[in-house]
N, C-alpha and C. Protein backbone atom coordinates (compact mmCIF):
# COMPACT_ATOMS: atom_id res chain seq x y z
N MET A 1 15.32 16.35 -1.36
CA MET A 1 13.57 15.96 -1.09
C MET A 1 12.81 15.83 -2.44
N THR A 2 12.29 14.71 -2.13
CA THR A 2 11.30 14.28 -3.60
C THR A 2 10.41 15.09 -4.27
N ASP A 3 10.28 14.92 -5.53
CA ASP A 3 9.53 16.16 -6.15
C ASP A 3 7.91 15.64 -5.80
N ILE A 4 7.41 16.99 -5.95
CA ILE A 4 5.86 16.33 -5.51
C ILE A 4 5.12 15.71 -6.95
N ILE A 5 4.50 14.88 -6.96
CA ILE A 5 3.70 14.47 -7.80
C ILE A 5 2.32 14.37 -7.91
N ARG A 6 1.75 14.87 -8.80
CA ARG A 6 0.43 15.04 -8.44
C ARG A 6 -0.31 14.48 -9.60
N SER A 7 -1.09 13.34 -10.13
CA SER A 7 -1.30 12.87 -11.48
C SER A 7 -2.25 11.95 -11.50
N HIS A 8 -3.41 12.28 -12.32
CA HIS A 8 -4.37 11.46 -12.34
C HIS A 8 -5.14 11.19 -11.22
N GLY A 9 -5.05 12.23 -10.28
CA GLY A 9 -5.89 12.17 -8.90
C GLY A 9 -5.03 11.52 -7.74
N PHE A 10 -3.90 11.26 -8.29
CA PHE A 10 -2.93 10.47 -7.11
C PHE A 10 -1.72 11.46 -6.75
N THR A 11 -1.00 10.97 -5.90
CA THR A 11 0.06 11.97 -5.34
C THR A 11 1.04 11.39 -4.37
N ASN A 12 2.17 11.52 -4.38
CA ASN A 12 3.14 11.09 -3.53
C ASN A 12 3.34 12.03 -2.37
N GLU A 13 2.46 13.09 -2.14
CA GLU A 13 2.11 13.97 -0.73
C GLU A 13 1.83 12.99 0.32
N SER A 14 2.30 13.43 1.37
CA SER A 14 1.54 12.59 2.91
C SER A 14 0.28 13.44 2.93
N LEU A 15 -0.79 11.94 3.04
CA LEU A 15 -2.13 12.81 3.09
C LEU A 15 -2.49 12.47 4.46
N GLU A 16 -3.67 13.16 5.03
CA GLU A 16 -4.59 12.66 6.33
C GLU A 16 -5.50 11.69 5.64
N TRP A 17 -6.10 10.92 6.63
CA TRP A 17 -7.55 10.18 6.32
C TRP A 17 -8.35 10.51 7.21
N ASP A 18 -9.61 10.49 7.15
CA ASP A 18 -11.16 10.84 7.77
C ASP A 18 -11.68 9.59 7.58
N ALA A 19 -11.94 8.88 8.91
CA ALA A 19 -13.07 8.24 8.97
C ALA A 19 -14.30 8.75 8.92
N TRP A 20 -15.54 7.92 8.35
CA TRP A 20 -16.93 8.55 8.08
C TRP A 20 -17.57 8.07 9.01
N LEU A 21 -17.25 7.29 10.18
CA LEU A 21 -17.90 6.54 11.37
C LEU A 21 -17.13 6.95 12.66
N ASP A 22 -17.45 6.89 13.75
CA ASP A 22 -16.96 7.01 14.54
C ASP A 22 -15.39 6.30 15.23
N VAL A 23 -14.85 6.90 15.54
CA VAL A 23 -13.62 6.27 15.95
C VAL A 23 -13.41 6.27 17.46
N VAL A 24 -12.73 5.49 17.80
CA VAL A 24 -12.34 5.03 19.62
C VAL A 24 -11.60 5.96 19.90
N ASP A 25 -12.31 6.93 21.12
CA ASP A 25 -11.81 8.02 21.99
C ASP A 25 -10.72 7.35 22.85
N LEU A 26 -9.32 7.89 22.54
CA LEU A 26 -8.45 7.21 23.34
C LEU A 26 -8.45 7.59 24.82
N ASP A 27 -9.07 8.21 25.38
CA ASP A 27 -9.86 8.32 26.46
C ASP A 27 -10.67 7.44 27.29
N GLU A 28 -11.23 6.85 26.45
CA GLU A 28 -12.51 5.70 26.69
C GLU A 28 -11.78 4.31 26.09
N ALA A 29 -10.75 4.55 25.72
CA ALA A 29 -10.39 2.92 25.03
C ALA A 29 -9.85 2.15 26.25
N THR A 30 -10.17 0.88 25.88
CA THR A 30 -9.82 -0.44 26.90
C THR A 30 -8.46 -0.57 27.22
N ALA A 31 -7.92 -1.25 27.92
CA ALA A 31 -6.39 -1.77 28.28
C ALA A 31 -6.17 -2.24 26.87
N ALA A 32 -6.80 -3.25 26.21
CA ALA A 32 -6.84 -4.26 25.17
C ALA A 32 -6.67 -3.38 24.09
N GLN A 33 -7.60 -2.50 23.93
CA GLN A 33 -7.39 -1.72 22.86
C GLN A 33 -6.17 -0.94 22.50
N ILE A 34 -5.78 -0.21 23.58
CA ILE A 34 -4.58 0.54 23.79
C ILE A 34 -3.23 -0.37 23.44
N ALA A 35 -3.53 -1.56 23.93
CA ALA A 35 -2.17 -2.52 23.39
C ALA A 35 -2.14 -2.73 22.24
N VAL A 36 -3.18 -3.12 21.54
CA VAL A 36 -3.45 -3.46 19.73
C VAL A 36 -2.95 -2.18 19.29
N LEU A 37 -3.09 -1.18 19.73
CA LEU A 37 -2.79 0.08 18.75
C LEU A 37 -1.32 0.15 18.71
N GLU A 38 -0.81 0.20 20.05
CA GLU A 38 0.72 0.13 20.17
C GLU A 38 1.38 -1.17 19.52
N GLU A 39 0.92 -2.14 19.56
CA GLU A 39 1.41 -3.35 18.65
C GLU A 39 1.42 -3.08 17.22
N SER A 40 0.56 -2.18 16.41
CA SER A 40 0.08 -2.16 15.08
C SER A 40 0.79 -1.20 14.64
N HIS A 41 1.15 -0.01 14.81
CA HIS A 41 2.02 0.95 14.06
C HIS A 41 2.35 1.94 14.95
N PRO A 42 3.82 2.63 14.86
CA PRO A 42 4.37 3.66 15.85
C PRO A 42 2.91 5.13 15.56
N LYS A 43 2.19 5.21 14.64
CA LYS A 43 1.26 6.46 14.53
C LYS A 43 0.16 6.11 14.64
N ALA A 44 -0.31 4.48 15.23
CA ALA A 44 -1.57 4.34 15.19
C ALA A 44 -2.40 5.15 16.15
N LYS A 45 -2.00 5.45 17.30
CA LYS A 45 -3.01 6.02 18.43
C LYS A 45 -3.35 7.77 17.82
N ALA A 46 -2.75 8.19 16.58
CA ALA A 46 -3.18 9.35 16.18
C ALA A 46 -3.82 9.34 14.68
N SER A 47 -4.24 8.01 14.27
CA SER A 47 -4.57 7.60 13.34
C SER A 47 -6.02 7.23 13.22
N ASP A 48 -6.84 7.98 12.26
CA ASP A 48 -8.63 7.82 12.18
C ASP A 48 -8.78 5.85 11.86
N TYR A 49 -7.63 5.70 10.81
CA TYR A 49 -7.84 4.10 10.17
C TYR A 49 -7.70 3.31 11.66
N TYR A 50 -6.49 3.39 12.64
CA TYR A 50 -6.46 2.44 13.32
C TYR A 50 -7.48 2.84 14.39
N LEU A 51 -7.89 4.01 14.76
CA LEU A 51 -8.60 4.29 15.97
C LEU A 51 -10.21 3.71 15.50
N PHE A 52 -10.59 3.63 14.29
CA PHE A 52 -11.73 3.07 13.66
C PHE A 52 -11.65 1.38 13.91
N LEU A 53 -10.42 0.98 13.53
CA LEU A 53 -10.30 -0.50 13.29
C LEU A 53 -10.30 -1.08 14.65
N VAL A 54 -9.85 -0.27 15.53
CA VAL A 54 -9.50 -1.11 17.06
C VAL A 54 -10.79 -0.98 17.73
N HIS A 55 -11.81 -1.00 17.00
CA HIS A 55 -13.18 -1.02 17.56
C HIS A 55 -13.25 -2.93 17.98
N GLN A 56 -12.56 -3.22 16.86
CA GLN A 56 -12.47 -4.97 16.93
C GLN A 56 -11.13 -5.32 17.61
N PRO A 57 -10.64 -5.08 18.59
CA PRO A 57 -9.14 -5.07 18.82
C PRO A 57 -8.32 -6.44 18.05
N GLU A 58 -9.12 -7.40 18.35
CA GLU A 58 -8.60 -8.79 17.98
C GLU A 58 -8.43 -8.74 16.47
N ILE A 59 -9.07 -8.75 15.67
CA ILE A 59 -9.24 -8.46 14.26
C ILE A 59 -8.10 -7.48 13.79
N LEU A 60 -7.77 -6.45 14.50
CA LEU A 60 -6.74 -5.55 13.94
C LEU A 60 -5.66 -6.32 14.54
N ARG A 61 -5.38 -6.96 15.57
CA ARG A 61 -4.14 -7.33 16.15
C ARG A 61 -3.53 -8.24 15.03
N GLN A 62 -4.50 -9.22 14.33
CA GLN A 62 -4.14 -10.24 13.26
C GLN A 62 -3.81 -9.51 11.99
N ARG A 63 -4.87 -8.53 11.68
CA ARG A 63 -4.53 -7.74 10.25
C ARG A 63 -3.04 -7.06 10.26
N SER A 64 -2.79 -6.46 11.36
CA SER A 64 -1.33 -5.93 11.68
C SER A 64 -0.35 -6.87 11.85
N ALA A 65 -0.43 -8.20 12.23
CA ALA A 65 0.68 -8.95 12.06
C ALA A 65 0.91 -9.69 10.72
N ALA A 66 -0.05 -9.85 10.31
CA ALA A 66 -0.07 -10.22 8.82
C ALA A 66 0.37 -9.09 7.97
N PHE A 67 0.07 -7.98 7.85
CA PHE A 67 0.56 -6.95 7.28
C PHE A 67 1.93 -6.72 7.53
N ASN A 68 2.37 -6.70 8.39
CA ASN A 68 3.85 -6.34 8.86
C ASN A 68 4.67 -7.37 8.61
N ALA A 69 4.34 -8.67 8.61
CA ALA A 69 4.73 -10.12 8.21
C ALA A 69 5.31 -9.90 6.35
N ILE A 70 3.93 -9.52 5.83
CA ILE A 70 4.03 -9.61 4.63
C ILE A 70 4.76 -8.32 4.05
N MET A 71 4.85 -7.24 4.57
CA MET A 71 5.57 -5.72 3.85
C MET A 71 6.90 -5.89 4.45
N TYR A 72 7.14 -6.28 5.67
CA TYR A 72 8.55 -5.60 6.14
C TYR A 72 9.34 -7.17 6.54
N ALA A 73 9.08 -8.26 6.53
CA ALA A 73 9.73 -9.39 6.40
C ALA A 73 11.00 -9.47 6.01
N PRO A 74 12.30 -9.86 6.72
CA PRO A 74 13.52 -9.70 5.85
C PRO A 74 13.75 -10.79 4.80
N GLY A 75 14.21 -10.56 3.95
CA GLY A 75 14.87 -11.63 2.63
C GLY A 75 13.78 -11.26 1.79
N GLY A 76 13.59 -12.34 0.91
CA GLY A 76 12.42 -12.53 -0.10
C GLY A 76 12.87 -11.10 -1.14
N LEU A 77 11.53 -10.84 -1.40
CA LEU A 77 11.32 -9.73 -2.67
C LEU A 77 11.82 -8.39 -1.95
N PRO A 78 12.52 -7.40 -2.62
CA PRO A 78 13.07 -6.67 -2.08
C PRO A 78 12.17 -5.59 -1.43
N ARG A 79 12.13 -5.05 -0.34
CA ARG A 79 11.12 -4.04 0.32
C ARG A 79 10.75 -2.92 -1.05
N ALA A 80 11.38 -2.39 -1.32
CA ALA A 80 11.23 -1.18 -2.61
C ALA A 80 10.24 -2.32 -3.63
N GLU A 81 10.68 -3.29 -3.94
CA GLU A 81 9.38 -3.93 -4.76
C GLU A 81 8.30 -4.48 -4.22
N ARG A 82 8.17 -4.67 -3.02
CA ARG A 82 6.84 -4.87 -2.20
C ARG A 82 5.90 -3.30 -2.22
N GLU A 83 6.75 -2.42 -1.93
CA GLU A 83 6.18 -0.89 -2.17
C GLU A 83 5.50 -0.75 -3.63
N LEU A 84 6.65 -1.26 -4.82
CA LEU A 84 5.97 -0.89 -6.14
C LEU A 84 4.76 -1.51 -6.52
N SER A 85 4.62 -2.68 -5.87
CA SER A 85 3.55 -3.74 -6.28
C SER A 85 2.42 -2.90 -5.64
N THR A 86 2.57 -2.70 -4.21
CA THR A 86 1.31 -2.07 -3.52
C THR A 86 0.99 -1.01 -4.12
N THR A 87 1.82 -0.12 -4.50
CA THR A 87 1.63 1.08 -5.21
C THR A 87 0.36 0.87 -6.63
N VAL A 88 1.14 0.13 -7.28
CA VAL A 88 0.22 -0.25 -8.45
C VAL A 88 -1.29 -0.87 -8.08
N VAL A 89 -1.26 -1.87 -7.47
CA VAL A 89 -2.51 -2.27 -6.51
C VAL A 89 -3.27 -1.24 -6.11
N SER A 90 -2.89 -0.20 -5.48
CA SER A 90 -3.72 0.74 -4.88
C SER A 90 -3.95 1.57 -5.67
N ARG A 91 -3.19 2.03 -6.96
CA ARG A 91 -3.70 3.09 -7.87
C ARG A 91 -4.83 2.33 -8.93
N ILE A 92 -4.86 1.01 -9.23
CA ILE A 92 -5.76 0.49 -9.84
C ILE A 92 -7.24 0.40 -9.21
N ASN A 93 -7.01 0.06 -7.64
CA ASN A 93 -8.26 0.08 -6.87
C ASN A 93 -8.82 1.54 -6.76
N GLY A 94 -8.04 2.50 -7.17
CA GLY A 94 -8.44 3.69 -6.89
C GLY A 94 -8.07 4.37 -5.17
N CYS A 95 -7.60 3.70 -4.46
CA CYS A 95 -7.14 4.20 -3.21
C CYS A 95 -5.75 5.17 -3.12
N VAL A 96 -6.37 6.41 -3.08
CA VAL A 96 -5.35 7.47 -3.22
C VAL A 96 -4.53 7.73 -2.15
N TYR A 97 -5.03 7.39 -0.86
CA TYR A 97 -4.50 7.34 0.26
C TYR A 97 -3.48 6.11 0.21
N CYS A 98 -3.84 4.93 0.32
CA CYS A 98 -2.54 4.02 0.13
C CYS A 98 -1.53 4.10 -0.99
N ALA A 99 -1.82 4.70 -1.90
CA ALA A 99 -0.86 4.93 -3.19
C ALA A 99 0.00 5.87 -2.95
N SER A 100 -0.22 6.95 -2.07
CA SER A 100 0.47 8.11 -1.42
C SER A 100 1.62 7.32 -0.76
N VAL A 101 1.08 6.72 0.30
CA VAL A 101 2.09 6.05 1.57
C VAL A 101 2.78 5.34 0.89
N HIS A 102 2.65 4.47 -0.09
CA HIS A 102 3.40 3.22 -0.56
C HIS A 102 4.49 3.94 -1.84
N ALA A 103 3.74 4.79 -2.46
CA ALA A 103 4.82 5.59 -3.28
C ALA A 103 5.70 6.27 -2.40
N GLN A 104 5.62 6.81 -1.22
CA GLN A 104 6.57 7.47 -0.56
C GLN A 104 7.66 6.34 -0.18
N ARG A 105 7.10 5.58 0.50
CA ARG A 105 7.80 4.24 1.11
C ARG A 105 8.94 3.75 -0.26
N PHE A 106 8.42 3.69 -1.59
CA PHE A 106 9.26 3.08 -2.70
C PHE A 106 10.26 4.29 -2.69
N GLU A 107 9.82 5.57 -2.60
CA GLU A 107 10.74 6.56 -2.75
C GLU A 107 11.90 6.57 -2.05
N GLN A 108 11.60 6.04 -0.51
CA GLN A 108 12.83 6.49 0.21
C GLN A 108 13.33 5.21 0.37
N LEU A 109 13.25 4.02 -0.12
CA LEU A 109 14.03 2.75 -0.55
C LEU A 109 14.72 2.87 -1.44
N ALA A 110 14.06 3.38 -2.64
CA ALA A 110 14.77 3.25 -3.96
C ALA A 110 15.63 4.35 -4.07
N ARG A 111 15.06 5.79 -3.50
CA ARG A 111 15.70 6.95 -4.01
C ARG A 111 15.50 7.27 -4.98
N ARG A 112 14.14 7.28 -5.63
CA ARG A 112 14.05 7.86 -6.98
C ARG A 112 12.48 7.50 -6.97
N ASN A 113 11.82 8.37 -7.72
CA ASN A 113 10.34 8.40 -8.02
C ASN A 113 10.10 8.23 -9.54
N ASP A 114 10.71 7.80 -10.46
CA ASP A 114 10.69 7.91 -11.88
C ASP A 114 9.32 6.98 -12.11
N VAL A 115 9.41 5.56 -11.70
CA VAL A 115 8.44 4.60 -11.58
C VAL A 115 7.41 5.08 -11.19
N ILE A 116 7.17 5.95 -9.87
CA ILE A 116 5.87 6.26 -9.39
C ILE A 116 5.14 7.40 -10.21
N ARG A 117 5.82 7.90 -10.75
CA ARG A 117 5.60 8.97 -11.83
C ARG A 117 4.48 8.35 -13.22
N GLN A 118 5.18 6.97 -13.44
CA GLN A 118 4.63 6.10 -14.51
C GLN A 118 3.49 5.23 -13.98
N VAL A 119 3.59 5.33 -12.72
CA VAL A 119 2.40 4.05 -11.84
C VAL A 119 1.23 4.94 -11.86
N PHE A 120 1.11 6.27 -11.54
CA PHE A 120 0.31 6.97 -11.40
C PHE A 120 -0.48 7.61 -12.54
N ALA A 121 0.35 7.40 -13.79
CA ALA A 121 -0.19 7.70 -15.36
C ALA A 121 -0.32 6.66 -15.69
N ASP A 122 -0.02 5.32 -16.02
CA ASP A 122 -0.37 4.20 -16.47
C ASP A 122 0.46 2.98 -15.71
N PRO A 123 -0.43 2.75 -14.75
CA PRO A 123 0.22 1.29 -13.83
C PRO A 123 0.32 0.21 -14.70
N ARG A 124 0.05 0.00 -15.48
CA ARG A 124 -0.18 -1.31 -16.59
C ARG A 124 1.33 -1.18 -17.41
N SER A 125 1.86 -0.32 -17.48
CA SER A 125 2.80 -0.10 -18.42
C SER A 125 4.11 0.30 -17.80
N ALA A 126 4.21 0.41 -16.35
CA ALA A 126 4.93 1.36 -15.56
C ALA A 126 6.57 0.33 -15.54
N GLY A 127 7.75 0.86 -15.12
CA GLY A 127 8.84 0.19 -14.82
C GLY A 127 9.68 0.65 -15.67
N THR A 128 11.29 0.73 -14.96
CA THR A 128 12.06 1.41 -15.79
C THR A 128 13.07 0.35 -15.96
N THR A 129 12.50 -1.03 -15.57
CA THR A 129 13.68 -2.26 -16.16
C THR A 129 12.26 -3.43 -16.50
N LYS A 130 13.03 -4.31 -17.08
CA LYS A 130 12.15 -5.54 -17.43
C LYS A 130 11.72 -6.29 -16.13
N ARG A 131 12.39 -5.92 -14.86
CA ARG A 131 11.98 -6.55 -13.68
C ARG A 131 10.65 -5.75 -13.16
N GLU A 132 10.82 -4.44 -13.00
CA GLU A 132 10.11 -3.88 -12.50
C GLU A 132 8.49 -3.69 -13.43
N GLN A 133 8.84 -3.94 -14.75
CA GLN A 133 8.16 -3.97 -15.50
C GLN A 133 6.77 -5.09 -15.51
N ALA A 134 7.73 -6.35 -15.20
CA ALA A 134 7.09 -7.51 -15.00
C ALA A 134 6.16 -7.40 -13.74
N ILE A 135 6.71 -7.07 -12.53
CA ILE A 135 5.97 -6.88 -11.14
C ILE A 135 4.94 -5.91 -11.50
N ALA A 136 5.17 -4.95 -12.44
CA ALA A 136 3.71 -3.77 -12.45
C ALA A 136 2.73 -4.65 -13.20
N GLN A 137 3.07 -5.34 -14.25
CA GLN A 137 2.15 -6.20 -15.08
C GLN A 137 1.49 -7.07 -14.33
N PHE A 138 2.31 -7.97 -13.55
CA PHE A 138 1.74 -8.79 -12.74
C PHE A 138 0.75 -8.46 -11.61
N SER A 139 1.16 -7.36 -10.69
CA SER A 139 0.52 -6.79 -9.93
C SER A 139 -1.17 -6.25 -10.53
N ALA A 140 -0.83 -5.67 -11.83
CA ALA A 140 -2.34 -5.04 -12.26
C ALA A 140 -3.08 -6.15 -12.63
N ALA A 141 -2.43 -7.36 -13.31
CA ALA A 141 -3.29 -8.73 -13.46
C ALA A 141 -3.96 -9.13 -12.84
N LEU A 142 -3.36 -9.40 -11.35
CA LEU A 142 -3.89 -10.24 -10.58
C LEU A 142 -4.97 -9.39 -9.72
N THR A 143 -4.83 -8.12 -9.58
CA THR A 143 -5.58 -7.12 -8.96
C THR A 143 -7.10 -6.98 -9.87
N GLU A 144 -6.92 -7.08 -11.04
CA GLU A 144 -7.84 -6.62 -12.15
C GLU A 144 -8.64 -7.95 -12.76
N SER A 145 -7.63 -8.96 -12.95
CA SER A 145 -8.50 -10.51 -13.15
C SER A 145 -8.17 -11.89 -12.40
N PRO A 146 -7.99 -12.05 -11.11
CA PRO A 146 -7.19 -12.82 -10.16
C PRO A 146 -7.82 -14.23 -11.16
N ASN A 147 -8.89 -14.26 -11.41
CA ASN A 147 -9.39 -15.67 -12.39
C ASN A 147 -8.76 -16.21 -13.60
N ASP A 148 -7.74 -15.11 -13.97
CA ASP A 148 -7.35 -15.16 -15.29
C ASP A 148 -5.92 -15.66 -15.17
N ILE A 149 -5.46 -15.52 -13.99
CA ILE A 149 -3.96 -15.81 -13.79
C ILE A 149 -3.72 -17.17 -14.03
N ARG A 150 -2.24 -17.27 -14.83
CA ARG A 150 -2.04 -18.89 -15.36
C ARG A 150 -0.59 -19.04 -14.99
N ALA A 151 -0.14 -20.01 -15.39
CA ALA A 151 1.20 -20.77 -15.13
C ALA A 151 2.19 -19.81 -15.79
N ASP A 152 1.75 -19.20 -16.96
CA ASP A 152 2.51 -18.57 -17.52
C ASP A 152 2.96 -17.10 -17.27
N HIS A 153 2.16 -16.58 -16.17
CA HIS A 153 2.09 -15.08 -15.79
C HIS A 153 3.27 -15.41 -14.81
N LEU A 154 3.46 -16.61 -14.09
CA LEU A 154 4.56 -16.95 -13.17
C LEU A 154 5.69 -17.11 -13.75
N LEU A 155 5.82 -17.54 -14.99
CA LEU A 155 6.93 -17.90 -15.36
C LEU A 155 7.52 -16.49 -16.17
N ALA A 156 6.55 -15.78 -16.65
CA ALA A 156 7.07 -14.50 -16.65
C ALA A 156 7.73 -13.61 -15.62
N LEU A 157 7.46 -13.64 -14.75
CA LEU A 157 8.16 -13.42 -13.41
C LEU A 157 9.63 -13.98 -13.20
N ARG A 158 9.47 -15.23 -13.82
CA ARG A 158 10.93 -15.86 -13.52
C ARG A 158 11.65 -15.39 -14.35
N GLU A 159 11.32 -15.18 -15.67
CA GLU A 159 12.16 -14.91 -17.12
C GLU A 159 12.66 -13.31 -16.22
N ALA A 160 12.01 -12.68 -15.43
CA ALA A 160 12.35 -11.46 -15.32
C ALA A 160 13.22 -11.30 -14.04
N GLY A 161 13.53 -12.52 -13.55
CA GLY A 161 14.76 -12.75 -12.57
C GLY A 161 14.13 -12.89 -11.30
N LEU A 162 13.02 -12.96 -10.90
CA LEU A 162 12.33 -13.39 -9.62
C LEU A 162 12.40 -14.73 -9.57
N SER A 163 12.84 -14.89 -8.07
CA SER A 163 12.96 -16.27 -7.62
C SER A 163 11.55 -16.79 -7.43
N ASP A 164 11.18 -18.22 -6.81
CA ASP A 164 9.94 -18.45 -6.60
C ASP A 164 9.83 -17.93 -5.31
N ALA A 165 10.65 -17.71 -4.23
CA ALA A 165 10.20 -17.01 -3.03
C ALA A 165 9.81 -15.64 -3.45
N GLU A 166 10.41 -15.16 -4.19
CA GLU A 166 10.21 -13.55 -4.51
C GLU A 166 8.59 -13.45 -4.84
N ILE A 167 8.38 -14.44 -5.97
CA ILE A 167 7.04 -14.45 -6.91
C ILE A 167 5.66 -14.75 -5.45
N LEU A 168 6.24 -15.64 -4.64
CA LEU A 168 5.21 -15.76 -3.32
C LEU A 168 5.09 -14.24 -2.63
N ASP A 169 6.30 -13.63 -2.42
CA ASP A 169 5.98 -12.57 -1.68
C ASP A 169 5.53 -11.45 -2.51
N LEU A 170 5.54 -11.49 -3.65
CA LEU A 170 5.04 -10.44 -4.54
C LEU A 170 3.29 -10.84 -4.42
N ILE A 171 3.26 -11.96 -4.17
CA ILE A 171 1.67 -12.34 -4.49
C ILE A 171 1.05 -12.21 -2.82
N HIS A 172 1.68 -12.06 -2.02
CA HIS A 172 1.47 -11.77 -0.59
C HIS A 172 1.13 -10.52 -0.51
N SER A 173 1.85 -9.72 -1.37
CA SER A 173 1.53 -7.88 -0.92
C SER A 173 0.47 -7.39 -1.93
N ILE A 174 0.64 -8.16 -3.16
CA ILE A 174 -0.74 -7.78 -3.78
C ILE A 174 -2.02 -8.13 -3.10
N ALA A 175 -2.01 -9.38 -2.50
CA ALA A 175 -3.16 -10.00 -1.98
C ALA A 175 -3.72 -9.13 -0.81
N ILE A 176 -2.67 -8.71 0.10
CA ILE A 176 -3.21 -7.95 1.10
C ILE A 176 -4.02 -6.37 0.81
N PHE A 177 -3.17 -6.21 0.05
CA PHE A 177 -3.82 -4.99 -0.56
C PHE A 177 -5.21 -4.65 -1.23
N ALA A 178 -5.59 -5.91 -1.75
CA ALA A 178 -7.23 -6.08 -1.78
C ALA A 178 -7.80 -5.67 -0.71
N TRP A 179 -7.18 -6.23 0.54
CA TRP A 179 -8.35 -6.24 1.62
C TRP A 179 -7.66 -4.45 2.44
N ALA A 180 -6.45 -4.19 2.46
CA ALA A 180 -6.12 -2.86 2.79
C ALA A 180 -6.83 -1.89 2.04
N ASN A 181 -6.85 -1.96 0.74
CA ASN A 181 -7.67 -0.85 -0.06
C ASN A 181 -9.15 -0.66 0.06
N ARG A 182 -9.80 -1.76 0.08
CA ARG A 182 -11.19 -2.05 0.58
C ARG A 182 -11.27 -1.18 1.90
N LEU A 183 -10.89 -1.63 2.64
CA LEU A 183 -10.78 -0.93 4.32
C LEU A 183 -11.02 0.40 4.11
N MET A 184 -9.77 0.84 3.70
CA MET A 184 -9.57 2.41 3.16
C MET A 184 -10.40 3.29 2.40
N LEU A 185 -11.13 2.59 1.14
CA LEU A 185 -12.00 3.13 0.62
C LEU A 185 -13.40 3.08 0.69
N ASN A 186 -13.64 2.10 1.68
CA ASN A 186 -15.33 2.02 2.74
C ASN A 186 -15.45 2.62 3.83
N LEU A 187 -14.20 2.95 4.42
CA LEU A 187 -14.57 3.64 5.57
C LEU A 187 -14.33 5.05 6.02
N GLY A 188 -13.83 5.70 4.71
CA GLY A 188 -13.24 6.85 5.07
C GLY A 188 -12.74 7.37 3.78
N GLU A 189 -12.16 8.75 3.77
CA GLU A 189 -11.56 9.25 2.71
C GLU A 189 -10.36 9.91 2.84
N PRO A 190 -9.57 10.34 1.74
CA PRO A 190 -8.21 10.71 1.86
C PRO A 190 -8.24 12.58 1.95
N VAL A 191 -7.35 12.83 2.95
CA VAL A 191 -7.27 14.59 2.84
C VAL A 191 -6.31 14.98 2.44
N PHE A 192 -6.42 15.96 1.25
CA PHE A 192 -4.95 16.47 0.79
C PHE A 192 -4.64 17.68 1.58
N PRO A 193 -3.49 18.06 1.70
CA PRO A 193 -2.87 19.04 2.52
C PRO A 193 -3.28 20.50 1.76
N GLU A 194 -3.70 21.26 2.59
CA GLU A 194 -4.04 22.69 2.07
C GLU A 194 -3.02 23.33 1.14
N PRO A 195 -3.62 23.84 -0.13
CA PRO A 195 -2.27 24.51 -0.65
C PRO A 195 -1.45 25.79 -0.25
N PRO A 196 -0.52 26.01 -0.44
CA PRO A 196 0.31 26.89 0.54
C PRO A 196 -0.70 28.24 -0.18
N ALA A 197 -0.67 29.09 1.09
CA ALA A 197 -1.11 30.73 0.93
C ALA A 197 -0.60 31.67 -0.17
N ALA A 198 -1.31 31.91 -1.17
CA ALA A 198 -0.60 32.96 -2.03
C ALA A 198 0.03 34.12 -1.26
N SER A 199 1.36 34.40 -1.58
CA SER A 199 1.92 35.53 -1.28
C SER A 199 1.88 36.87 -1.85
């Protein structure tokens, strides 16, 4: 089992998320809404996030298709590195829920959490290898100052061993989390697990 990390307000624990506005009641959902929930994520019917977004089912369908293609498509940037980049983005944007989810996914894929501990402490200097450091630094730079990205930023990724296709995957991963984080941050809040009762 992975060690629990709680650092700088972030965690790799499984969190819940509560919407601030009314979610769609499954008993009153239309057939189109149910279909989109079933397409979007295996746990969508139990998630406040999806149950809120499905107020606009066609937008949720397009969002889920883009998200799933960017994060889960075979080939290109390894899945663990996509998860690392999105954890960095979520940490910088202050999205505790997204950071926890993608930290866990990195840990499942990479079978370690050393770099996650680093991301929570200081995302701009995180990374256990030159390649991880380059991914973390670029993810931070593109998140914080997208208008300042230049060709030399991409060349630094190449020098760290990323192919052009992997660089494109990385940029897609970072960019979609500008969207994902803002939805999460502005529509609800994370819920931490209850601490264990004292014996």
